[in-house]
Amino acid sequence: MSKHDAILLVGPTGSGKTPLGELLESQGLQGRRCVHFDFGENLRLIAAGNSSVNLNDDELNVVAHSLETGSLLEEEHFPIARKILLGFLNEQDVSAGDLVILNGLPRHVSQAGDVDAILDIRAVIYLSCTPDVVVERIFANAGGDRTDRTDDDIEAIKKKLDIFAKRTTPLLEHYRQRGARIESVGITTTTTAKEIWEMLNNRKKGTWDQGLV
């Protein structure tokens, strides 16, 4: 069975992945329907009891620990992520021609192989953002998506940035070696999702069909 095409959003906390994913879902990309899979939001919904994904008590404890400590789901816990991702794809009725926008999964190379078995990641959009800009964007709620977040204190931000640098950025080289298009976007304190979407949408027609061109 053929795999659905996907675009992975990579960027540190506060760089604007969620607002961009939501805009891609509402507006599409070069005429293609997009569905936005926000893994972190799905974890928060599960922890709050507001998800249809059926996890057992041990799996729920793993989710709660990840959210409380900011730790990543490691390879041995990928079955949890698989349940959540497959449930999302089924609920969204993803069909041929649609683009799945991945936000928060995979978070490290150890997860990438498992995700690659489910989806064909054709491109990576890297939202490049310095630590100082991250802090400014989060405290100003530049993306408009931090209102109900309880994990945005300085120490939590520093921990997330450290994890991102050590564990997540190697994904760029992983997908570069697989032939995916790597689209790097410099993010400032005022960069909006609409500005990024317009830039991506104005790329040569067919860019997101053919991967790296």
N, C-alpha and C. Protein backbone atom coordinates (compact mmCIF):
# COMPACT_ATOMS: atom_id res chain seq x y z
N MET A 1 0.84 -1.19 0.00
CA MET A 1 0.00 0.00 0.00
C MET A 1 0.88 1.24 0.00
N SER A 2 0.58 2.22 -0.85
CA SER A 2 1.39 3.42 -0.95
C SER A 2 1.21 4.29 0.29
N LYS A 3 2.27 5.03 0.60
CA LYS A 3 2.25 5.90 1.78
C LYS A 3 1.83 7.31 1.39
N HIS A 4 1.19 8.00 2.31
CA HIS A 4 0.81 9.39 2.07
C HIS A 4 2.04 10.29 2.13
N ASP A 5 2.05 11.34 1.30
CA ASP A 5 3.11 12.33 1.34
C ASP A 5 2.99 13.17 2.59
N ALA A 6 4.13 13.56 3.14
CA ALA A 6 4.13 14.38 4.35
C ALA A 6 5.21 15.45 4.28
N ILE A 7 4.97 16.53 5.01
CA ILE A 7 5.97 17.58 5.22
C ILE A 7 6.19 17.68 6.72
N LEU A 8 7.45 17.66 7.14
CA LEU A 8 7.79 17.75 8.55
C LEU A 8 8.18 19.18 8.91
N LEU A 9 7.55 19.72 9.95
CA LEU A 9 7.92 21.03 10.48
C LEU A 9 8.94 20.82 11.60
N VAL A 10 10.10 21.45 11.45
CA VAL A 10 11.15 21.35 12.46
C VAL A 10 11.51 22.76 12.92
N GLY A 11 11.55 22.96 14.22
CA GLY A 11 11.92 24.25 14.77
C GLY A 11 11.83 24.20 16.27
N PRO A 12 12.57 25.05 16.97
CA PRO A 12 12.51 25.05 18.43
C PRO A 12 11.16 25.51 18.94
N THR A 13 10.90 25.26 20.20
CA THR A 13 9.68 25.74 20.83
C THR A 13 9.51 27.24 20.58
N GLY A 14 8.30 27.65 20.25
CA GLY A 14 8.04 29.07 20.03
C GLY A 14 8.35 29.60 18.66
N SER A 15 8.86 28.75 17.76
CA SER A 15 9.26 29.24 16.43
C SER A 15 8.07 29.40 15.49
N GLY A 16 6.91 28.85 15.86
CA GLY A 16 5.72 29.05 15.05
C GLY A 16 5.24 27.85 14.28
N LYS A 17 5.62 26.65 14.69
CA LYS A 17 5.22 25.45 13.97
C LYS A 17 3.71 25.25 13.97
N THR A 18 3.09 25.40 15.15
CA THR A 18 1.65 25.16 15.25
C THR A 18 0.83 26.17 14.44
N PRO A 19 1.09 27.48 14.55
CA PRO A 19 0.34 28.42 13.70
C PRO A 19 0.53 28.14 12.22
N LEU A 20 1.75 27.77 11.81
CA LEU A 20 1.98 27.45 10.40
C LEU A 20 1.22 26.20 10.01
N GLY A 21 1.25 25.17 10.84
CA GLY A 21 0.51 23.94 10.54
C GLY A 21 -0.97 24.19 10.42
N GLU A 22 -1.51 25.02 11.31
CA GLU A 22 -2.94 25.33 11.25
C GLU A 22 -3.29 26.10 9.99
N LEU A 23 -2.41 27.03 9.58
CA LEU A 23 -2.68 27.79 8.37
C LEU A 23 -2.59 26.91 7.13
N LEU A 24 -1.62 26.01 7.10
CA LEU A 24 -1.51 25.07 5.98
C LEU A 24 -2.77 24.20 5.90
N GLU A 25 -3.29 23.80 7.06
CA GLU A 25 -4.50 22.98 7.05
C GLU A 25 -5.69 23.76 6.52
N SER A 26 -5.80 25.03 6.87
CA SER A 26 -6.95 25.82 6.44
C SER A 26 -6.84 26.31 5.00
N GLN A 27 -5.60 26.53 4.53
CA GLN A 27 -5.41 27.12 3.20
C GLN A 27 -4.85 26.14 2.16
N GLY A 28 -4.28 25.03 2.62
CA GLY A 28 -3.65 24.11 1.68
C GLY A 28 -2.30 24.64 1.21
N LEU A 29 -1.67 23.90 0.31
CA LEU A 29 -0.37 24.29 -0.22
C LEU A 29 -0.32 23.98 -1.71
N GLN A 30 -0.23 25.03 -2.52
CA GLN A 30 -0.20 24.89 -3.97
C GLN A 30 -1.34 24.00 -4.47
N GLY A 31 -2.51 24.22 -3.90
CA GLY A 31 -3.70 23.51 -4.35
C GLY A 31 -3.92 22.14 -3.73
N ARG A 32 -3.00 21.71 -2.88
CA ARG A 32 -3.15 20.41 -2.24
C ARG A 32 -3.74 20.56 -0.85
N ARG A 33 -4.67 19.69 -0.50
CA ARG A 33 -5.24 19.69 0.85
C ARG A 33 -4.16 19.28 1.85
N CYS A 34 -4.13 19.97 2.98
CA CYS A 34 -3.19 19.64 4.05
C CYS A 34 -3.96 19.29 5.32
N VAL A 35 -3.45 18.32 6.05
CA VAL A 35 -3.99 18.00 7.38
C VAL A 35 -2.84 18.12 8.36
N HIS A 36 -3.08 18.82 9.46
CA HIS A 36 -2.03 19.17 10.42
C HIS A 36 -2.06 18.23 11.61
N PHE A 37 -1.00 17.47 11.79
CA PHE A 37 -0.87 16.57 12.93
C PHE A 37 0.06 17.21 13.95
N ASP A 38 -0.51 17.74 15.03
CA ASP A 38 0.24 18.38 16.11
C ASP A 38 0.36 17.36 17.24
N PHE A 39 1.52 16.72 17.32
CA PHE A 39 1.69 15.62 18.27
C PHE A 39 1.58 16.12 19.71
N GLY A 40 2.20 17.26 20.02
CA GLY A 40 2.14 17.79 21.37
C GLY A 40 0.72 18.09 21.80
N GLU A 41 -0.07 18.69 20.92
CA GLU A 41 -1.46 18.99 21.24
C GLU A 41 -2.25 17.71 21.46
N ASN A 42 -1.96 16.68 20.65
CA ASN A 42 -2.63 15.39 20.84
C ASN A 42 -2.29 14.80 22.21
N LEU A 43 -1.02 14.91 22.63
CA LEU A 43 -0.64 14.41 23.95
C LEU A 43 -1.38 15.16 25.05
N ARG A 44 -1.50 16.48 24.90
CA ARG A 44 -2.20 17.27 25.92
C ARG A 44 -3.69 16.91 25.98
N LEU A 45 -4.29 16.65 24.83
CA LEU A 45 -5.70 16.25 24.81
C LEU A 45 -5.88 14.89 25.49
N ILE A 46 -4.96 13.98 25.23
CA ILE A 46 -5.04 12.65 25.84
C ILE A 46 -4.91 12.77 27.36
N ALA A 47 -3.95 13.58 27.83
CA ALA A 47 -3.74 13.74 29.26
C ALA A 47 -4.96 14.36 29.93
N ALA A 48 -5.67 15.21 29.20
CA ALA A 48 -6.86 15.87 29.74
C ALA A 48 -8.12 15.02 29.59
N GLY A 49 -8.00 13.85 28.97
CA GLY A 49 -9.15 12.98 28.78
C GLY A 49 -10.07 13.42 27.67
N ASN A 50 -9.53 14.20 26.73
CA ASN A 50 -10.35 14.74 25.64
C ASN A 50 -9.97 14.17 24.28
N SER A 51 -9.55 12.93 24.25
CA SER A 51 -9.14 12.30 22.99
C SER A 51 -9.85 10.95 22.83
N SER A 52 -10.07 10.58 21.59
CA SER A 52 -10.70 9.29 21.30
C SER A 52 -9.67 8.17 21.21
N VAL A 53 -8.38 8.51 21.28
CA VAL A 53 -7.33 7.49 21.23
C VAL A 53 -7.37 6.66 22.50
N ASN A 54 -7.39 5.35 22.35
CA ASN A 54 -7.53 4.44 23.49
C ASN A 54 -6.16 3.96 23.95
N LEU A 55 -5.68 4.51 25.06
CA LEU A 55 -4.40 4.09 25.64
C LEU A 55 -4.65 3.41 26.98
N ASN A 56 -3.80 2.43 27.31
CA ASN A 56 -3.93 1.77 28.61
C ASN A 56 -3.28 2.63 29.69
N ASP A 57 -3.39 2.20 30.94
CA ASP A 57 -2.90 3.01 32.06
C ASP A 57 -1.39 3.26 31.97
N ASP A 58 -0.63 2.23 31.59
CA ASP A 58 0.82 2.40 31.47
C ASP A 58 1.16 3.42 30.40
N GLU A 59 0.45 3.37 29.28
CA GLU A 59 0.70 4.31 28.20
C GLU A 59 0.31 5.74 28.61
N LEU A 60 -0.78 5.86 29.35
CA LEU A 60 -1.20 7.17 29.84
C LEU A 60 -0.16 7.74 30.80
N ASN A 61 0.46 6.89 31.60
CA ASN A 61 1.51 7.34 32.52
C ASN A 61 2.73 7.85 31.75
N VAL A 62 3.06 7.20 30.65
CA VAL A 62 4.17 7.65 29.82
C VAL A 62 3.88 9.03 29.24
N VAL A 63 2.65 9.20 28.76
CA VAL A 63 2.24 10.50 28.20
C VAL A 63 2.33 11.58 29.27
N ALA A 64 1.81 11.30 30.46
CA ALA A 64 1.82 12.28 31.55
C ALA A 64 3.25 12.64 31.94
N HIS A 65 4.12 11.64 32.00
CA HIS A 65 5.53 11.90 32.36
C HIS A 65 6.21 12.77 31.31
N SER A 66 5.94 12.49 30.04
CA SER A 66 6.53 13.28 28.96
C SER A 66 6.11 14.74 29.06
N LEU A 67 4.85 14.97 29.33
CA LEU A 67 4.34 16.34 29.42
C LEU A 67 4.87 17.05 30.67
N GLU A 68 4.98 16.33 31.77
CA GLU A 68 5.42 16.95 33.03
C GLU A 68 6.90 17.29 33.02
N THR A 69 7.71 16.47 32.35
CA THR A 69 9.17 16.65 32.39
C THR A 69 9.74 17.27 31.12
N GLY A 70 8.94 17.32 30.06
CA GLY A 70 9.45 17.82 28.79
C GLY A 70 10.31 16.82 28.06
N SER A 71 10.32 15.57 28.54
CA SER A 71 11.13 14.53 27.91
C SER A 71 10.46 14.03 26.63
N LEU A 72 11.28 13.45 25.75
CA LEU A 72 10.77 12.92 24.49
C LEU A 72 10.33 11.47 24.67
N LEU A 73 9.40 11.03 23.83
CA LEU A 73 9.07 9.61 23.80
C LEU A 73 10.20 8.88 23.10
N GLU A 74 10.78 7.93 23.79
CA GLU A 74 11.90 7.19 23.20
C GLU A 74 11.38 6.05 22.32
N GLU A 75 12.32 5.36 21.68
CA GLU A 75 11.97 4.36 20.68
C GLU A 75 11.05 3.28 21.24
N GLU A 76 11.29 2.88 22.50
CA GLU A 76 10.48 1.81 23.07
C GLU A 76 9.02 2.22 23.29
N HIS A 77 8.78 3.54 23.26
CA HIS A 77 7.42 4.03 23.44
C HIS A 77 6.76 4.43 22.12
N PHE A 78 7.42 4.11 21.01
CA PHE A 78 6.83 4.52 19.74
C PHE A 78 5.46 3.91 19.47
N PRO A 79 5.14 2.71 19.98
CA PRO A 79 3.78 2.20 19.76
C PRO A 79 2.70 3.18 20.22
N ILE A 80 2.99 3.99 21.23
CA ILE A 80 2.03 5.01 21.66
C ILE A 80 1.86 6.05 20.56
N ALA A 81 2.99 6.53 20.04
CA ALA A 81 2.94 7.52 18.97
C ALA A 81 2.26 6.95 17.73
N ARG A 82 2.50 5.68 17.44
CA ARG A 82 1.88 5.05 16.27
C ARG A 82 0.36 5.03 16.40
N LYS A 83 -0.13 4.66 17.58
CA LYS A 83 -1.58 4.66 17.82
C LYS A 83 -2.17 6.04 17.57
N ILE A 84 -1.49 7.06 18.08
CA ILE A 84 -2.00 8.43 17.96
C ILE A 84 -1.98 8.88 16.51
N LEU A 85 -0.88 8.61 15.82
CA LEU A 85 -0.75 9.04 14.42
C LEU A 85 -1.75 8.30 13.53
N LEU A 86 -1.84 6.99 13.66
CA LEU A 86 -2.76 6.23 12.82
C LEU A 86 -4.20 6.61 13.10
N GLY A 87 -4.51 6.88 14.37
CA GLY A 87 -5.86 7.32 14.71
C GLY A 87 -6.19 8.65 14.04
N PHE A 88 -5.21 9.55 14.02
CA PHE A 88 -5.40 10.85 13.37
C PHE A 88 -5.63 10.68 11.87
N LEU A 89 -4.80 9.87 11.21
CA LEU A 89 -4.94 9.68 9.77
C LEU A 89 -6.29 9.09 9.42
N ASN A 90 -6.78 8.18 10.27
CA ASN A 90 -8.08 7.57 10.03
C ASN A 90 -9.21 8.58 10.23
N GLU A 91 -9.12 9.37 11.30
CA GLU A 91 -10.16 10.36 11.59
C GLU A 91 -10.23 11.45 10.53
N GLN A 92 -9.06 11.82 9.99
CA GLN A 92 -8.99 12.88 8.99
C GLN A 92 -9.32 12.38 7.58
N ASP A 93 -9.47 11.06 7.45
CA ASP A 93 -9.78 10.48 6.14
C ASP A 93 -8.80 10.96 5.08
N VAL A 94 -7.52 10.83 5.37
CA VAL A 94 -6.47 11.28 4.46
C VAL A 94 -6.49 10.43 3.20
N SER A 95 -6.46 11.09 2.06
CA SER A 95 -6.51 10.37 0.78
C SER A 95 -5.32 10.73 -0.09
N ALA A 96 -5.18 10.04 -1.20
CA ALA A 96 -4.10 10.31 -2.14
C ALA A 96 -4.17 11.75 -2.59
N GLY A 97 -3.02 12.41 -2.63
CA GLY A 97 -2.97 13.81 -3.03
C GLY A 97 -2.94 14.77 -1.86
N ASP A 98 -3.34 14.29 -0.68
CA ASP A 98 -3.27 15.13 0.51
C ASP A 98 -1.84 15.19 1.04
N LEU A 99 -1.51 16.27 1.74
CA LEU A 99 -0.23 16.40 2.42
C LEU A 99 -0.47 16.35 3.92
N VAL A 100 0.25 15.48 4.60
CA VAL A 100 0.20 15.43 6.06
C VAL A 100 1.29 16.35 6.60
N ILE A 101 0.90 17.33 7.40
CA ILE A 101 1.86 18.25 8.00
C ILE A 101 2.20 17.73 9.39
N LEU A 102 3.42 17.25 9.56
CA LEU A 102 3.85 16.67 10.82
C LEU A 102 4.49 17.73 11.71
N ASN A 103 4.00 17.85 12.93
CA ASN A 103 4.49 18.83 13.88
C ASN A 103 4.72 18.12 15.21
N GLY A 104 5.99 17.87 15.53
CA GLY A 104 6.32 17.23 16.80
C GLY A 104 6.58 15.74 16.72
N LEU A 105 6.47 15.15 15.56
CA LEU A 105 6.75 13.73 15.35
C LEU A 105 7.20 13.52 13.91
N PRO A 106 8.40 12.94 13.70
CA PRO A 106 9.37 12.50 14.70
C PRO A 106 10.10 13.67 15.35
N ARG A 107 10.54 13.44 16.60
CA ARG A 107 11.29 14.45 17.32
C ARG A 107 12.78 14.13 17.35
N HIS A 108 13.14 12.90 17.02
CA HIS A 108 14.56 12.52 16.98
C HIS A 108 14.73 11.38 15.98
N VAL A 109 15.97 11.12 15.62
CA VAL A 109 16.26 10.17 14.55
C VAL A 109 15.78 8.77 14.90
N SER A 110 15.80 8.40 16.17
CA SER A 110 15.35 7.06 16.56
C SER A 110 13.88 6.83 16.23
N GLN A 111 13.08 7.92 16.20
CA GLN A 111 11.67 7.81 15.83
C GLN A 111 11.48 7.86 14.32
N ALA A 112 12.46 8.42 13.61
CA ALA A 112 12.27 8.71 12.19
C ALA A 112 11.98 7.46 11.37
N GLY A 113 12.71 6.38 11.64
CA GLY A 113 12.49 5.17 10.86
C GLY A 113 11.08 4.64 11.00
N ASP A 114 10.54 4.72 12.22
CA ASP A 114 9.17 4.25 12.45
C ASP A 114 8.16 5.12 11.73
N VAL A 115 8.38 6.45 11.76
CA VAL A 115 7.47 7.35 11.04
C VAL A 115 7.60 7.15 9.54
N ASP A 116 8.84 6.93 9.08
CA ASP A 116 9.08 6.73 7.64
C ASP A 116 8.36 5.50 7.12
N ALA A 117 8.08 4.55 7.99
CA ALA A 117 7.36 3.34 7.57
C ALA A 117 5.87 3.63 7.37
N ILE A 118 5.40 4.76 7.92
CA ILE A 118 3.98 5.10 7.83
C ILE A 118 3.72 6.17 6.77
N LEU A 119 4.64 7.15 6.69
CA LEU A 119 4.46 8.29 5.79
C LEU A 119 5.72 8.54 4.98
N ASP A 120 5.56 9.15 3.81
CA ASP A 120 6.69 9.50 2.95
C ASP A 120 6.99 10.98 3.13
N ILE A 121 7.96 11.29 3.98
CA ILE A 121 8.31 12.68 4.25
C ILE A 121 9.12 13.23 3.08
N ARG A 122 8.46 14.06 2.26
CA ARG A 122 9.06 14.57 1.04
C ARG A 122 9.83 15.87 1.24
N ALA A 123 9.50 16.59 2.32
CA ALA A 123 10.15 17.87 2.56
C ALA A 123 10.16 18.17 4.06
N VAL A 124 11.15 18.96 4.46
CA VAL A 124 11.25 19.44 5.84
C VAL A 124 11.30 20.96 5.80
N ILE A 125 10.41 21.59 6.54
CA ILE A 125 10.44 23.05 6.68
C ILE A 125 11.08 23.35 8.03
N TYR A 126 12.27 23.93 7.98
CA TYR A 126 13.05 24.21 9.18
C TYR A 126 12.88 25.67 9.57
N LEU A 127 12.22 25.91 10.68
CA LEU A 127 12.02 27.26 11.19
C LEU A 127 13.21 27.59 12.10
N SER A 128 14.17 28.28 11.53
CA SER A 128 15.43 28.57 12.22
C SER A 128 15.26 29.79 13.12
N CYS A 129 15.55 29.62 14.40
CA CYS A 129 15.23 30.66 15.38
C CYS A 129 16.27 30.64 16.50
N THR A 130 16.87 31.79 16.82
CA THR A 130 17.86 31.85 17.90
C THR A 130 17.17 31.75 19.26
N PRO A 131 17.91 31.35 20.30
CA PRO A 131 17.31 31.26 21.64
C PRO A 131 16.70 32.57 22.12
N ASP A 132 17.38 33.69 21.87
CA ASP A 132 16.84 34.99 22.30
C ASP A 132 15.50 35.28 21.61
N VAL A 133 15.42 34.98 20.32
CA VAL A 133 14.18 35.20 19.59
C VAL A 133 13.09 34.27 20.11
N VAL A 134 13.45 33.03 20.42
CA VAL A 134 12.48 32.08 20.99
C VAL A 134 11.84 32.66 22.24
N VAL A 135 12.66 33.15 23.16
CA VAL A 135 12.14 33.69 24.42
C VAL A 135 11.23 34.88 24.14
N GLU A 136 11.66 35.78 23.26
CA GLU A 136 10.85 36.96 22.94
C GLU A 136 9.51 36.56 22.33
N ARG A 137 9.55 35.60 21.41
CA ARG A 137 8.31 35.17 20.74
C ARG A 137 7.36 34.51 21.74
N ILE A 138 7.88 33.69 22.63
CA ILE A 138 7.02 33.00 23.59
C ILE A 138 6.39 34.00 24.56
N PHE A 139 7.19 34.90 25.11
CA PHE A 139 6.65 35.85 26.09
C PHE A 139 5.68 36.84 25.45
N ALA A 140 5.87 37.10 24.14
CA ALA A 140 4.95 37.99 23.44
C ALA A 140 3.78 37.23 22.81
N ASN A 141 3.83 35.89 22.92
CA ASN A 141 2.83 35.03 22.27
C ASN A 141 2.70 35.41 20.80
N ALA A 142 3.87 35.48 20.13
CA ALA A 142 3.91 35.96 18.74
C ALA A 142 3.08 35.11 17.80
N GLY A 143 3.00 33.82 18.07
CA GLY A 143 2.22 32.95 17.19
C GLY A 143 0.76 32.83 17.58
N GLY A 144 0.41 33.38 18.74
CA GLY A 144 -0.96 33.32 19.21
C GLY A 144 -1.40 31.96 19.71
N ASP A 145 -0.43 31.06 19.97
CA ASP A 145 -0.79 29.68 20.35
C ASP A 145 -0.29 29.30 21.74
N ARG A 146 0.11 30.30 22.57
CA ARG A 146 0.69 29.96 23.87
C ARG A 146 -0.22 30.31 25.04
N THR A 147 -1.44 30.77 24.79
CA THR A 147 -2.30 31.30 25.83
C THR A 147 -2.53 30.31 26.97
N ASP A 148 -2.78 29.07 26.67
CA ASP A 148 -3.12 28.09 27.70
C ASP A 148 -1.95 27.17 28.06
N ARG A 149 -0.74 27.52 27.63
CA ARG A 149 0.41 26.69 27.92
C ARG A 149 0.93 26.96 29.32
N THR A 150 1.26 25.90 30.04
CA THR A 150 1.77 26.04 31.41
C THR A 150 3.24 25.66 31.51
N ASP A 151 3.89 25.49 30.35
CA ASP A 151 5.29 25.02 30.34
C ASP A 151 6.20 26.02 29.65
N ASP A 152 5.94 27.32 29.89
CA ASP A 152 6.70 28.35 29.18
C ASP A 152 7.57 29.21 30.09
N ASP A 153 7.95 28.69 31.26
CA ASP A 153 8.88 29.43 32.10
C ASP A 153 10.29 29.29 31.53
N ILE A 154 11.19 30.15 31.97
CA ILE A 154 12.54 30.21 31.40
C ILE A 154 13.27 28.88 31.49
N GLU A 155 13.21 28.23 32.64
CA GLU A 155 13.92 26.96 32.79
C GLU A 155 13.38 25.90 31.85
N ALA A 156 12.07 25.86 31.68
CA ALA A 156 11.47 24.88 30.76
C ALA A 156 11.87 25.18 29.33
N ILE A 157 11.91 26.46 28.97
CA ILE A 157 12.32 26.85 27.61
C ILE A 157 13.76 26.43 27.36
N LYS A 158 14.65 26.69 28.32
CA LYS A 158 16.07 26.33 28.16
C LYS A 158 16.22 24.82 27.98
N LYS A 159 15.46 24.05 28.76
CA LYS A 159 15.54 22.59 28.65
C LYS A 159 15.08 22.13 27.27
N LYS A 160 13.98 22.72 26.78
CA LYS A 160 13.47 22.34 25.46
C LYS A 160 14.46 22.71 24.36
N LEU A 161 15.10 23.87 24.48
CA LEU A 161 16.07 24.29 23.48
C LEU A 161 17.28 23.35 23.46
N ASP A 162 17.71 22.91 24.63
CA ASP A 162 18.84 21.99 24.72
C ASP A 162 18.50 20.65 24.07
N ILE A 163 17.30 20.14 24.37
CA ILE A 163 16.85 18.88 23.77
C ILE A 163 16.74 19.03 22.25
N PHE A 164 16.20 20.16 21.81
CA PHE A 164 16.04 20.39 20.38
C PHE A 164 17.39 20.37 19.67
N ALA A 165 18.38 21.08 20.23
CA ALA A 165 19.70 21.15 19.60
C ALA A 165 20.36 19.78 19.52
N LYS A 166 20.23 19.00 20.59
CA LYS A 166 20.94 17.72 20.65
C LYS A 166 20.19 16.58 19.96
N ARG A 167 18.85 16.58 20.05
CA ARG A 167 18.09 15.43 19.60
C ARG A 167 17.32 15.65 18.30
N THR A 168 16.83 16.88 18.08
CA THR A 168 15.94 17.11 16.95
C THR A 168 16.65 17.59 15.70
N THR A 169 17.63 18.48 15.83
CA THR A 169 18.28 19.02 14.63
C THR A 169 18.95 17.94 13.76
N PRO A 170 19.42 16.80 14.31
CA PRO A 170 19.96 15.75 13.43
C PRO A 170 18.95 15.21 12.42
N LEU A 171 17.65 15.48 12.64
CA LEU A 171 16.64 15.06 11.67
C LEU A 171 16.87 15.73 10.31
N LEU A 172 17.43 16.94 10.32
CA LEU A 172 17.66 17.64 9.06
C LEU A 172 18.60 16.84 8.17
N GLU A 173 19.68 16.34 8.74
CA GLU A 173 20.63 15.56 7.95
C GLU A 173 20.03 14.20 7.57
N HIS A 174 19.26 13.61 8.47
CA HIS A 174 18.60 12.33 8.17
C HIS A 174 17.75 12.44 6.91
N TYR A 175 16.93 13.49 6.84
CA TYR A 175 16.04 13.61 5.69
C TYR A 175 16.75 14.18 4.47
N ARG A 176 17.80 14.95 4.68
CA ARG A 176 18.60 15.40 3.53
C ARG A 176 19.20 14.19 2.82
N GLN A 177 19.70 13.24 3.59
CA GLN A 177 20.29 12.03 3.02
C GLN A 177 19.24 11.16 2.32
N ARG A 178 18.01 11.28 2.73
CA ARG A 178 16.92 10.51 2.11
C ARG A 178 16.37 11.22 0.87
N GLY A 179 16.91 12.40 0.55
CA GLY A 179 16.50 13.10 -0.65
C GLY A 179 15.34 14.04 -0.48
N ALA A 180 14.95 14.31 0.77
CA ALA A 180 13.85 15.24 1.01
C ALA A 180 14.32 16.68 0.79
N ARG A 181 13.40 17.53 0.38
CA ARG A 181 13.70 18.95 0.25
C ARG A 181 13.82 19.54 1.65
N ILE A 182 14.88 20.32 1.90
CA ILE A 182 15.06 21.00 3.17
C ILE A 182 14.87 22.49 2.92
N GLU A 183 13.79 23.04 3.44
CA GLU A 183 13.46 24.45 3.24
C GLU A 183 13.70 25.18 4.56
N SER A 184 14.76 25.99 4.62
CA SER A 184 15.11 26.71 5.84
C SER A 184 14.51 28.12 5.81
N VAL A 185 13.82 28.48 6.88
CA VAL A 185 13.16 29.78 6.98
C VAL A 185 13.67 30.48 8.24
N GLY A 186 14.29 31.63 8.07
CA GLY A 186 14.75 32.40 9.22
C GLY A 186 13.58 33.08 9.92
N ILE A 187 13.47 32.85 11.23
CA ILE A 187 12.34 33.37 12.01
C ILE A 187 12.80 34.51 12.90
N THR A 188 12.09 35.63 12.85
CA THR A 188 12.35 36.77 13.72
C THR A 188 11.25 36.86 14.76
N THR A 189 11.32 37.87 15.61
CA THR A 189 10.30 38.03 16.65
C THR A 189 8.93 38.36 16.06
N THR A 190 8.91 38.86 14.83
CA THR A 190 7.63 39.30 14.24
C THR A 190 7.18 38.45 13.06
N THR A 191 7.94 37.42 12.71
CA THR A 191 7.55 36.57 11.57
C THR A 191 6.20 35.91 11.83
N THR A 192 5.31 35.98 10.85
CA THR A 192 3.98 35.39 11.01
C THR A 192 3.84 34.13 10.17
N ALA A 193 2.88 33.31 10.55
CA ALA A 193 2.58 32.10 9.78
C ALA A 193 2.16 32.46 8.36
N LYS A 194 1.41 33.54 8.21
CA LYS A 194 0.96 33.95 6.88
C LYS A 194 2.13 34.28 5.97
N GLU A 195 3.15 34.95 6.51
CA GLU A 195 4.33 35.29 5.71
C GLU A 195 5.05 34.03 5.24
N ILE A 196 5.16 33.05 6.13
CA ILE A 196 5.83 31.79 5.76
C ILE A 196 5.00 31.05 4.72
N TRP A 197 3.68 30.98 4.95
CA TRP A 197 2.80 30.28 4.01
C TRP A 197 2.88 30.91 2.63
N GLU A 198 2.86 32.23 2.55
CA GLU A 198 2.93 32.90 1.25
C GLU A 198 4.23 32.57 0.54
N MET A 199 5.34 32.55 1.27
CA MET A 199 6.63 32.20 0.68
C MET A 199 6.62 30.78 0.13
N LEU A 200 6.10 29.84 0.92
CA LEU A 200 6.05 28.44 0.50
C LEU A 200 5.11 28.25 -0.68
N ASN A 201 3.97 28.91 -0.63
CA ASN A 201 2.96 28.74 -1.67
C ASN A 201 3.42 29.33 -3.00
N ASN A 202 4.33 30.29 -2.95
CA ASN A 202 4.81 30.93 -4.17
C ASN A 202 6.01 30.22 -4.79
N ARG A 203 6.43 29.12 -4.18
CA ARG A 203 7.51 28.34 -4.78
C ARG A 203 7.04 27.78 -6.13
N LYS A 204 8.01 27.37 -6.94
CA LYS A 204 7.71 26.80 -8.25
C LYS A 204 6.64 25.71 -8.13
N LYS A 205 5.64 25.77 -9.00
CA LYS A 205 4.55 24.79 -8.96
C LYS A 205 5.10 23.38 -9.08
N GLY A 206 4.63 22.50 -8.21
CA GLY A 206 5.09 21.13 -8.23
C GLY A 206 6.21 20.85 -7.26
N THR A 207 6.72 21.92 -6.58
CA THR A 207 7.82 21.73 -5.64
C THR A 207 7.50 20.67 -4.59
N TRP A 208 6.29 20.73 -4.06
CA TRP A 208 5.93 19.83 -2.97
C TRP A 208 5.46 18.48 -3.47
N ASP A 209 5.42 18.30 -4.79
CA ASP A 209 5.16 16.98 -5.35
C ASP A 209 6.46 16.22 -5.59
N GLN A 210 7.50 16.97 -5.92
CA GLN A 210 8.73 16.34 -6.38
C GLN A 210 9.83 16.29 -5.32
N GLY A 211 9.58 16.88 -4.13
CA GLY A 211 10.63 16.87 -3.11
C GLY A 211 11.71 17.86 -3.46
N LEU A 212 12.97 17.46 -3.36
CA LEU A 212 14.08 18.37 -3.59
C LEU A 212 14.28 18.61 -5.07
N VAL A 213 14.07 19.86 -5.53
CA VAL A 213 14.22 20.18 -6.95
C VAL A 213 15.13 21.39 -7.11
